[in-house]
N, C-alpha and C. Protein backbone atom coordinates (compact mmCIF):
# COMPACT_ATOMS: atom_id res chain seq x y z
N MET A 1 67.12 58.32 86.95
CA MET A 1 68.58 58.22 86.69
C MET A 1 69.08 57.20 87.66
N LYS A 2 69.88 56.29 87.07
CA LYS A 2 70.50 55.25 87.70
C LYS A 2 71.55 55.57 89.00
N ALA A 3 71.63 54.94 89.91
CA ALA A 3 72.41 55.04 91.20
C ALA A 3 73.92 55.45 90.64
N ASN A 4 74.40 54.61 89.60
CA ASN A 4 75.71 54.85 89.05
C ASN A 4 75.74 56.26 88.30
N ASP A 5 74.63 56.60 87.75
CA ASP A 5 74.80 57.82 87.02
C ASP A 5 74.67 59.09 87.91
N GLN A 6 74.07 58.95 88.91
CA GLN A 6 73.89 59.95 89.95
C GLN A 6 75.02 60.06 90.69
N LEU A 7 75.76 58.87 90.96
CA LEU A 7 77.10 59.00 91.60
C LEU A 7 78.10 59.82 90.64
N TYR A 8 78.10 59.37 89.55
CA TYR A 8 79.15 60.06 88.60
C TYR A 8 78.91 61.58 88.35
N ALA A 9 77.65 61.93 88.30
CA ALA A 9 77.25 63.22 88.26
C ALA A 9 77.72 64.14 89.41
N TYR A 10 77.58 63.49 90.67
CA TYR A 10 78.00 64.10 92.03
C TYR A 10 79.51 64.33 92.04
N VAL A 11 80.25 63.13 91.43
CA VAL A 11 81.66 63.15 91.49
C VAL A 11 82.12 64.41 90.48
N GLN A 12 81.68 64.49 89.47
CA GLN A 12 81.74 65.73 88.31
C GLN A 12 81.55 67.13 89.13
N GLU A 13 80.41 67.22 89.72
CA GLU A 13 80.21 68.29 90.45
C GLU A 13 81.18 68.81 91.39
N ILE A 14 81.83 67.75 92.27
CA ILE A 14 82.72 67.85 93.34
C ILE A 14 84.01 68.22 92.80
N GLU A 15 84.38 67.57 91.46
CA GLU A 15 85.63 67.73 90.75
C GLU A 15 85.60 69.27 90.15
N ALA A 16 84.31 69.83 89.75
CA ALA A 16 84.16 70.94 89.22
C ALA A 16 84.44 72.14 90.33
N ASP A 17 83.80 71.88 91.54
CA ASP A 17 84.00 72.72 92.86
C ASP A 17 85.43 72.75 93.17
N LEU A 18 86.03 71.51 92.91
CA LEU A 18 87.48 71.56 93.57
C LEU A 18 88.47 72.57 92.47
N ARG A 19 88.15 72.40 91.19
CA ARG A 19 88.89 73.23 90.19
C ARG A 19 88.67 74.62 90.47
N ARG A 20 87.36 75.11 90.75
CA ARG A 20 87.00 76.35 90.99
C ARG A 20 87.75 76.97 92.15
N THR A 21 87.67 76.04 93.29
CA THR A 21 88.37 76.57 94.62
C THR A 21 89.83 76.54 94.26
N LYS A 22 90.52 75.83 93.61
CA LYS A 22 91.99 75.79 93.57
C LYS A 22 92.25 77.02 92.58
N ALA A 23 91.41 77.39 91.55
CA ALA A 23 91.73 78.60 90.75
C ALA A 23 91.66 80.05 91.64
N THR A 24 90.52 79.83 92.56
CA THR A 24 90.24 81.04 93.41
C THR A 24 91.26 81.26 94.35
N VAL A 25 91.92 80.14 94.93
CA VAL A 25 93.10 80.31 95.77
C VAL A 25 94.41 80.70 95.19
N ARG A 26 94.49 80.09 94.02
CA ARG A 26 95.68 80.49 93.30
C ARG A 26 95.65 82.11 92.84
N GLU A 27 94.53 82.62 92.57
CA GLU A 27 94.43 83.83 92.39
C GLU A 27 94.72 84.63 93.66
N ALA A 28 94.21 84.33 94.97
CA ALA A 28 94.42 84.99 95.98
C ALA A 28 95.88 84.83 96.47
N ILE A 29 96.72 83.86 96.08
CA ILE A 29 98.08 83.66 96.54
C ILE A 29 98.78 84.79 95.46
N GLN A 30 98.45 84.90 94.37
CA GLN A 30 99.29 85.59 93.42
C GLN A 30 98.97 87.14 93.71
N ALA A 31 97.68 87.72 94.33
CA ALA A 31 97.49 89.01 94.62
C ALA A 31 98.38 89.53 95.39
N ARG A 32 98.58 90.89 95.48
CA ARG A 32 99.32 91.89 96.15
C ARG A 32 98.55 92.41 97.22
N LEU A 33 98.97 92.50 98.39
CA LEU A 33 98.27 93.16 99.55
C LEU A 33 99.08 94.34 100.30
N THR A 34 98.82 95.70 99.94
CA THR A 34 99.60 96.73 100.57
C THR A 34 98.94 97.18 101.97
N VAL A 35 99.72 97.44 102.98
CA VAL A 35 99.20 98.02 104.28
C VAL A 35 99.96 99.01 104.74
N PRO A 36 99.33 100.29 105.17
CA PRO A 36 100.07 101.47 105.64
C PRO A 36 100.93 101.01 106.87
N ILE A 37 102.02 101.80 106.99
CA ILE A 37 102.75 101.53 108.22
C ILE A 37 102.42 102.85 109.02
N GLY A 38 101.91 102.68 110.33
CA GLY A 38 101.31 103.63 111.22
C GLY A 38 101.95 104.92 111.00
N GLY A 39 101.19 105.84 111.17
CA GLY A 39 101.61 107.52 111.23
C GLY A 39 102.24 107.81 109.78
N ALA A 40 101.36 107.38 108.67
CA ALA A 40 101.95 107.87 107.37
C ALA A 40 103.55 107.67 107.08
N LEU A 41 104.06 106.48 107.79
CA LEU A 41 105.45 106.36 107.74
C LEU A 41 105.76 105.64 106.40
N GLY A 42 104.86 105.02 105.79
CA GLY A 42 105.03 104.25 104.45
C GLY A 42 104.13 103.23 104.27
N THR A 43 104.39 102.07 103.45
CA THR A 43 103.68 100.92 103.32
C THR A 43 104.59 99.60 103.33
N VAL A 44 103.82 98.57 103.61
CA VAL A 44 104.38 97.18 103.15
C VAL A 44 103.55 96.51 102.28
N THR A 45 104.09 95.51 101.45
CA THR A 45 103.36 94.80 100.51
C THR A 45 103.69 93.29 100.75
N VAL A 46 102.72 92.46 100.87
CA VAL A 46 103.00 91.10 100.69
C VAL A 46 102.14 90.37 99.73
N THR A 47 102.59 89.22 99.30
CA THR A 47 101.78 88.45 98.47
C THR A 47 100.77 87.95 99.00
N GLY A 48 99.61 87.26 98.32
CA GLY A 48 98.46 86.62 98.73
C GLY A 48 98.88 85.45 99.79
N ALA A 49 100.22 84.90 99.54
CA ALA A 49 100.50 83.94 100.47
C ALA A 49 101.30 84.28 101.72
N GLY A 50 101.33 85.61 101.75
CA GLY A 50 102.05 86.22 102.92
C GLY A 50 103.51 86.63 102.88
N ALA A 51 103.94 86.32 101.75
CA ALA A 51 105.49 86.62 101.65
C ALA A 51 105.72 88.01 101.32
N LEU A 52 106.75 88.58 101.97
CA LEU A 52 107.10 90.26 102.00
C LEU A 52 107.60 90.37 100.46
N VAL A 53 106.99 91.47 99.99
CA VAL A 53 107.30 91.73 98.74
C VAL A 53 108.29 93.22 98.88
N SER A 54 107.77 94.12 99.63
CA SER A 54 108.44 95.35 99.72
C SER A 54 108.13 96.19 101.00
N VAL A 55 109.06 96.83 101.42
CA VAL A 55 108.96 97.95 102.47
C VAL A 55 109.22 99.23 101.97
N ASP A 56 108.15 100.19 101.67
CA ASP A 56 108.37 101.42 101.33
C ASP A 56 108.32 102.52 102.30
N LEU A 57 109.35 102.86 102.63
CA LEU A 57 109.45 104.12 103.62
C LEU A 57 109.37 105.40 103.15
N SER A 58 108.67 106.28 104.06
CA SER A 58 108.73 107.86 103.85
C SER A 58 110.21 108.13 103.94
N PRO A 59 110.48 109.05 103.02
CA PRO A 59 112.01 109.71 103.43
C PRO A 59 112.16 110.05 104.63
N LYS A 60 111.09 110.79 105.40
CA LYS A 60 111.26 111.43 106.60
C LYS A 60 110.93 110.31 107.71
N ALA A 61 110.75 109.22 107.59
CA ALA A 61 110.06 108.37 108.53
C ALA A 61 111.18 108.07 109.47
N PRO A 62 112.45 107.97 109.40
CA PRO A 62 113.48 107.67 110.48
C PRO A 62 113.53 108.90 111.37
N TRP A 63 113.37 110.00 110.76
CA TRP A 63 113.48 111.38 111.69
C TRP A 63 112.21 111.53 112.36
N MET A 64 111.15 111.19 111.72
CA MET A 64 109.74 111.33 112.21
C MET A 64 109.40 110.78 113.66
N VAL A 65 110.06 109.41 113.70
CA VAL A 65 109.73 108.56 114.79
C VAL A 65 110.96 108.01 115.62
N GLY A 66 112.04 107.89 114.92
CA GLY A 66 113.22 107.28 115.47
C GLY A 66 113.34 105.96 115.11
N ALA A 67 114.58 105.26 115.09
CA ALA A 67 114.68 103.83 114.57
C ALA A 67 113.76 102.88 115.42
N GLY A 68 113.79 102.91 116.63
CA GLY A 68 113.11 102.00 117.39
C GLY A 68 111.60 101.89 117.26
N LYS A 69 111.11 102.98 117.15
CA LYS A 69 109.46 103.25 116.86
C LYS A 69 109.25 102.81 115.50
N LEU A 70 110.21 103.16 114.63
CA LEU A 70 109.98 102.79 113.17
C LEU A 70 110.11 101.42 112.96
N ALA A 71 111.02 100.66 113.58
CA ALA A 71 111.09 99.12 113.42
C ALA A 71 109.82 98.47 113.93
N ALA A 72 109.27 99.03 114.84
CA ALA A 72 108.18 98.40 115.67
C ALA A 72 106.81 98.73 114.90
N GLU A 73 106.79 99.79 114.09
CA GLU A 73 105.79 99.97 113.19
C GLU A 73 105.69 99.12 112.01
N VAL A 74 107.06 99.11 111.34
CA VAL A 74 107.19 98.26 110.08
C VAL A 74 106.81 96.94 110.62
N THR A 75 107.21 96.39 111.64
CA THR A 75 107.10 95.03 112.17
C THR A 75 105.43 94.65 112.20
N ARG A 76 104.78 95.73 112.93
CA ARG A 76 103.41 95.61 113.02
C ARG A 76 102.70 95.49 111.99
N ALA A 77 103.05 96.29 110.83
CA ALA A 77 102.26 96.55 109.55
C ALA A 77 102.65 95.22 108.65
N ILE A 78 103.95 94.40 108.83
CA ILE A 78 104.08 93.37 108.18
C ILE A 78 103.24 92.26 108.66
N GLN A 79 103.19 92.19 110.18
CA GLN A 79 102.18 91.07 110.62
C GLN A 79 100.73 91.14 110.20
N GLU A 80 100.28 92.52 110.22
CA GLU A 80 98.76 92.86 109.82
C GLU A 80 98.69 92.34 108.45
N ALA A 81 99.75 92.56 107.61
CA ALA A 81 99.54 92.21 106.08
C ALA A 81 99.56 90.78 105.79
N GLU A 82 100.31 90.18 106.75
CA GLU A 82 100.40 88.57 106.91
C GLU A 82 99.08 87.96 107.04
N GLN A 83 98.56 88.60 108.15
CA GLN A 83 97.24 88.26 108.77
C GLN A 83 96.29 88.30 107.73
N ARG A 84 96.21 89.46 107.20
CA ARG A 84 95.06 89.95 106.05
C ARG A 84 95.11 88.94 104.95
N ALA A 85 96.29 88.67 104.34
CA ALA A 85 96.66 87.67 103.55
C ALA A 85 95.92 86.34 103.90
N ARG A 86 96.39 85.84 104.92
CA ARG A 86 95.92 84.57 105.45
C ARG A 86 94.37 84.38 105.37
N ALA A 87 93.64 85.49 105.93
CA ALA A 87 92.34 85.67 105.98
C ALA A 87 91.74 85.59 104.68
N SER A 88 92.32 86.24 103.65
CA SER A 88 91.84 86.43 102.23
C SER A 88 91.97 85.20 101.64
N ARG A 89 92.96 84.27 101.89
CA ARG A 89 92.99 82.93 101.29
C ARG A 89 92.02 81.99 101.79
N LEU A 90 91.90 82.06 103.04
CA LEU A 90 90.87 81.36 103.73
C LEU A 90 89.41 81.69 103.24
N ALA A 91 89.19 82.96 103.12
CA ALA A 91 87.76 83.38 102.59
C ALA A 91 87.81 82.81 101.17
N ALA A 92 88.65 83.11 100.56
CA ALA A 92 88.47 82.39 99.04
C ALA A 92 88.31 81.05 98.85
N ALA A 93 89.00 80.22 99.76
CA ALA A 93 88.65 78.81 99.93
C ALA A 93 87.32 78.36 100.41
N ALA A 94 86.83 79.08 101.34
CA ALA A 94 85.60 78.69 101.97
C ALA A 94 84.42 79.31 100.91
N GLY A 95 84.68 80.22 100.18
CA GLY A 95 83.54 80.76 99.38
C GLY A 95 83.21 79.87 98.21
N HIS A 96 83.97 78.88 98.11
CA HIS A 96 83.84 77.86 96.93
C HIS A 96 83.65 76.51 97.38
N GLY A 97 83.10 76.29 98.43
CA GLY A 97 82.84 74.93 98.89
C GLY A 97 81.70 74.31 98.04
N SER A 98 81.47 73.05 98.20
CA SER A 98 80.26 72.47 97.49
C SER A 98 78.84 72.79 97.79
N THR A 99 77.92 72.91 97.11
CA THR A 99 76.63 73.57 97.35
C THR A 99 75.65 72.35 97.83
N ARG A 100 76.19 71.27 97.94
CA ARG A 100 75.47 70.01 98.57
C ARG A 100 75.75 69.75 100.12
């Protein structure tokens, strides 16, 4: 195979890897991730990009722990969900690197 043909084949392989990586990251961003709020107080849901979608509280949550503790637990759950989403995106991108 000529050098130009080899280079062209390599570029084609890189472009295919890039398309697969973009598609995988796009899927990861569109995914939803739900994390429980400590003590069975409810759940928070974020997109794969880490954007908050919803906070679903148990109807008894405010009376179970009080407003201050509830706020802290919701904040913690949102931060955890954002971190998991970020890790998921990075893992998706890393999983589709070039094989060369």
